[in-house]
Amino acid sequence: MENLRNPYIMKFCEELTRKKGLKLSSEELERKLDDMYCEFELMLGRNMIDALPDDKRSEYLAQQKNGEVDFVKIGQIFENHISNPDEILKNTMVEFAASFSSCAVTQQ
């Protein structure tokens, strides 16, 4: 399967682990980066949904609840109703970095 991960976000996660000074085996690091990437995606998704106008947020959430996901329609909702996606991404990166740097990380 094709790797659909954003290389910039992966580099961001790698840099956070480097700055934190984590000493992990390559397998542990791979798992940690995978977890971080997934957590970042969830945080970014929540922030994007929160940025939608109330009516469009309700429309989006109704699709998710019904399980009738129309990716074209979802794309249009975000494209037409979020004017500052780069700012949301930037703020999410700041929020994620702060959260990561303040959490305790267990090393084996």
C-alpha atoms as a PDB file:
ATOM      1  CA  MET A   1       0.000   0.000   0.000  1.00  0.00           C
ATOM      2  CA  GLU A   2       1.178   3.477  -0.850  1.00  0.00           C
ATOM      3  CA  ASN A   3       2.437   5.610   2.037  1.00  0.00           C
ATOM      4  CA  LEU A   4       0.037   8.550   2.199  1.00  0.00           C
ATOM      5  CA  ARG A   5       1.803  10.321   5.025  1.00  0.00           C
ATOM      6  CA  ASN A   6       2.738  13.940   4.702  1.00  0.00           C
ATOM      7  CA  PRO A   7       6.563  14.076   4.691  1.00  0.00           C
ATOM      8  CA  TYR A   8       6.591  17.532   6.316  1.00  0.00           C
ATOM      9  CA  ILE A   9       4.552  16.319   9.260  1.00  0.00           C
ATOM     10  CA  MET A  10       6.798  13.253   9.557  1.00  0.00           C
ATOM     11  CA  LYS A  11       9.871  15.520   9.638  1.00  0.00           C
ATOM     12  CA  PHE A  12       8.142  17.663  12.265  1.00  0.00           C
ATOM     13  CA  CYS A  13       7.540  14.581  14.447  1.00  0.00           C
ATOM     14  CA  GLU A  14      11.123  13.398  13.932  1.00  0.00           C
ATOM     15  CA  GLU A  15      12.430  16.823  14.962  1.00  0.00           C
ATOM     16  CA  LEU A  16      10.306  16.802  18.117  1.00  0.00           C
ATOM     17  CA  THR A  17      11.713  13.437  19.154  1.00  0.00           C
ATOM     18  CA  ARG A  18      15.246  14.644  18.396  1.00  0.00           C
ATOM     19  CA  LYS A  19      14.795  17.817  20.458  1.00  0.00           C
ATOM     20  CA  LYS A  20      13.378  15.784  23.326  1.00  0.00           C
ATOM     21  CA  GLY A  21      16.533  13.640  23.221  1.00  0.00           C
ATOM     22  CA  LEU A  22      14.743  10.332  23.061  1.00  0.00           C
ATOM     23  CA  LYS A  23      17.048   7.341  22.886  1.00  0.00           C
ATOM     24  CA  LEU A  24      14.987   4.688  21.143  1.00  0.00           C
ATOM     25  CA  SER A  25      15.817   1.695  19.021  1.00  0.00           C
ATOM     26  CA  SER A  26      14.862   2.049  15.368  1.00  0.00           C
ATOM     27  CA  GLU A  27      11.760  -0.113  15.941  1.00  0.00           C
ATOM     28  CA  GLU A  28      10.706   1.895  18.999  1.00  0.00           C
ATOM     29  CA  LEU A  29      11.309   5.142  17.129  1.00  0.00           C
ATOM     30  CA  GLU A  30       9.238   3.939  14.189  1.00  0.00           C
ATOM     31  CA  ARG A  31       6.348   3.051  16.544  1.00  0.00           C
ATOM     32  CA  LYS A  32       6.692   6.378  18.370  1.00  0.00           C
ATOM     33  CA  LEU A  33       6.663   8.350  15.120  1.00  0.00           C
ATOM     34  CA  ASP A  34       3.652   6.375  13.917  1.00  0.00           C
ATOM     35  CA  ASP A  35       1.790   7.154  17.152  1.00  0.00           C
ATOM     36  CA  MET A  36       2.774  10.809  16.959  1.00  0.00           C
ATOM     37  CA  TYR A  37       1.660  11.122  13.349  1.00  0.00           C
ATOM     38  CA  CYS A  38      -1.728   9.578  14.132  1.00  0.00           C
ATOM     39  CA  GLU A  39      -2.173  11.831  17.156  1.00  0.00           C
ATOM     40  CA  PHE A  40      -1.231  14.884  15.098  1.00  0.00           C
ATOM     41  CA  GLU A  41      -3.724  13.934  12.369  1.00  0.00           C
ATOM     42  CA  LEU A  42      -6.485  13.597  14.966  1.00  0.00           C
ATOM     43  CA  MET A  43      -5.619  16.954  16.527  1.00  0.00           C
ATOM     44  CA  LEU A  44      -5.508  18.668  13.129  1.00  0.00           C
ATOM     45  CA  GLY A  45      -8.811  17.102  12.144  1.00  0.00           C
ATOM     46  CA  ARG A  46     -10.483  18.304  15.338  1.00  0.00           C
ATOM     47  CA  ASN A  47      -9.095  21.798  14.819  1.00  0.00           C
ATOM     48  CA  MET A  48     -10.295  21.871  11.195  1.00  0.00           C
ATOM     49  CA  ILE A  49     -13.768  20.713  12.217  1.00  0.00           C
ATOM     50  CA  ASP A  50     -13.856  23.298  15.016  1.00  0.00           C
ATOM     51  CA  ALA A  51     -13.024  26.008  12.459  1.00  0.00           C
ATOM     52  CA  LEU A  52     -16.090  25.239  10.351  1.00  0.00           C
ATOM     53  CA  PRO A  53     -19.183  27.431  10.670  1.00  0.00           C
ATOM     54  CA  ASP A  54     -21.788  25.800  12.928  1.00  0.00           C
ATOM     55  CA  ASP A  55     -24.111  24.729  10.109  1.00  0.00           C
ATOM     56  CA  LYS A  56     -21.296  23.159   8.092  1.00  0.00           C
ATOM     57  CA  ARG A  57     -19.847  21.473  11.177  1.00  0.00           C
ATOM     58  CA  SER A  58     -23.275  19.934  11.816  1.00  0.00           C
ATOM     59  CA  GLU A  59     -23.493  18.827   8.186  1.00  0.00           C
ATOM     60  CA  TYR A  60     -20.051  17.225   8.382  1.00  0.00           C
ATOM     61  CA  LEU A  61     -20.761  15.489  11.698  1.00  0.00           C
ATOM     62  CA  ALA A  62     -24.122  14.203  10.444  1.00  0.00           C
ATOM     63  CA  GLN A  63     -22.343  12.490   7.546  1.00  0.00           C
ATOM     64  CA  GLN A  64     -19.913  10.860   9.936  1.00  0.00           C
ATOM     65  CA  LYS A  65     -22.685   9.751  12.277  1.00  0.00           C
ATOM     66  CA  ASN A  66     -24.740   8.214   9.461  1.00  0.00           C
ATOM     67  CA  GLY A  67     -21.726   6.423   8.056  1.00  0.00           C
ATOM     68  CA  GLU A  68     -22.524   7.828   4.617  1.00  0.00           C
ATOM     69  CA  VAL A  69     -19.213   9.515   3.980  1.00  0.00           C
ATOM     70  CA  ASP A  70     -19.027  11.435   0.715  1.00  0.00           C
ATOM     71  CA  PHE A  71     -15.381  12.468   0.396  1.00  0.00           C
ATOM     72  CA  VAL A  72     -16.125  14.879  -2.456  1.00  0.00           C
ATOM     73  CA  LYS A  73     -18.737  16.660  -0.341  1.00  0.00           C
ATOM     74  CA  ILE A  74     -16.433  16.702   2.694  1.00  0.00           C
ATOM     75  CA  GLY A  75     -13.647  18.162   0.561  1.00  0.00           C
ATOM     76  CA  GLN A  76     -16.001  20.872  -0.679  1.00  0.00           C
ATOM     77  CA  ILE A  77     -17.132  21.705   2.851  1.00  0.00           C
ATOM     78  CA  PHE A  78     -13.562  22.262   3.999  1.00  0.00           C
ATOM     79  CA  GLU A  79     -12.419  23.962   0.809  1.00  0.00           C
ATOM     80  CA  ASN A  80     -15.336  26.388   0.737  1.00  0.00           C
ATOM     81  CA  HIS A  81     -15.656  27.126   4.444  1.00  0.00           C
ATOM     82  CA  ILE A  82     -12.146  27.222   5.871  1.00  0.00           C
ATOM     83  CA  SER A  83     -10.300  30.305   4.756  1.00  0.00           C
ATOM     84  CA  ASN A  84      -7.153  29.795   6.813  1.00  0.00           C
ATOM     85  CA  PRO A  85      -6.034  26.141   6.634  1.00  0.00           C
ATOM     86  CA  ASP A  86      -2.349  27.107   6.842  1.00  0.00           C
ATOM     87  CA  GLU A  87      -2.984  29.025  10.050  1.00  0.00           C
ATOM     88  CA  ILE A  88      -4.885  26.075  11.510  1.00  0.00           C
ATOM     89  CA  LEU A  89      -1.979  23.792  10.590  1.00  0.00           C
ATOM     90  CA  LYS A  90       0.538  26.174  12.159  1.00  0.00           C
ATOM     91  CA  ASN A  91      -1.481  26.494  15.365  1.00  0.00           C
ATOM     92  CA  THR A  92      -1.913  22.728  15.527  1.00  0.00           C
ATOM     93  CA  MET A  93       1.849  22.265  15.208  1.00  0.00           C
ATOM     94  CA  VAL A  94       2.420  24.681  18.086  1.00  0.00           C
ATOM     95  CA  GLU A  95      -0.258  22.953  20.187  1.00  0.00           C
ATOM     96  CA  PHE A  96       1.122  19.496  19.394  1.00  0.00           C
ATOM     97  CA  ALA A  97       4.729  20.496  20.121  1.00  0.00           C
ATOM     98  CA  ALA A  98       3.723  21.962  23.477  1.00  0.00           C
ATOM     99  CA  SER A  99       1.753  18.836  24.354  1.00  0.00           C
ATOM    100  CA  PHE A 100       4.587  16.523  23.288  1.00  0.00           C
ATOM    101  CA  SER A 101       7.314  18.445  25.099  1.00  0.00           C
ATOM    102  CA  SER A 102       5.334  18.485  28.354  1.00  0.00           C
ATOM    103  CA  CYS A 103       4.413  14.792  28.396  1.00  0.00           C
ATOM    104  CA  ALA A 104       6.545  12.160  30.036  1.00  0.00           C
ATOM    105  CA  VAL A 105       7.863   9.605  27.605  1.00  0.00           C
ATOM    106  CA  THR A 106       8.900   6.210  28.860  1.00  0.00           C
ATOM    107  CA  GLN A 107      12.005   4.753  27.335  1.00  0.00           C
ATOM    108  CA  GLN A 108      12.870   1.087  27.376  1.00  0.00           C
END
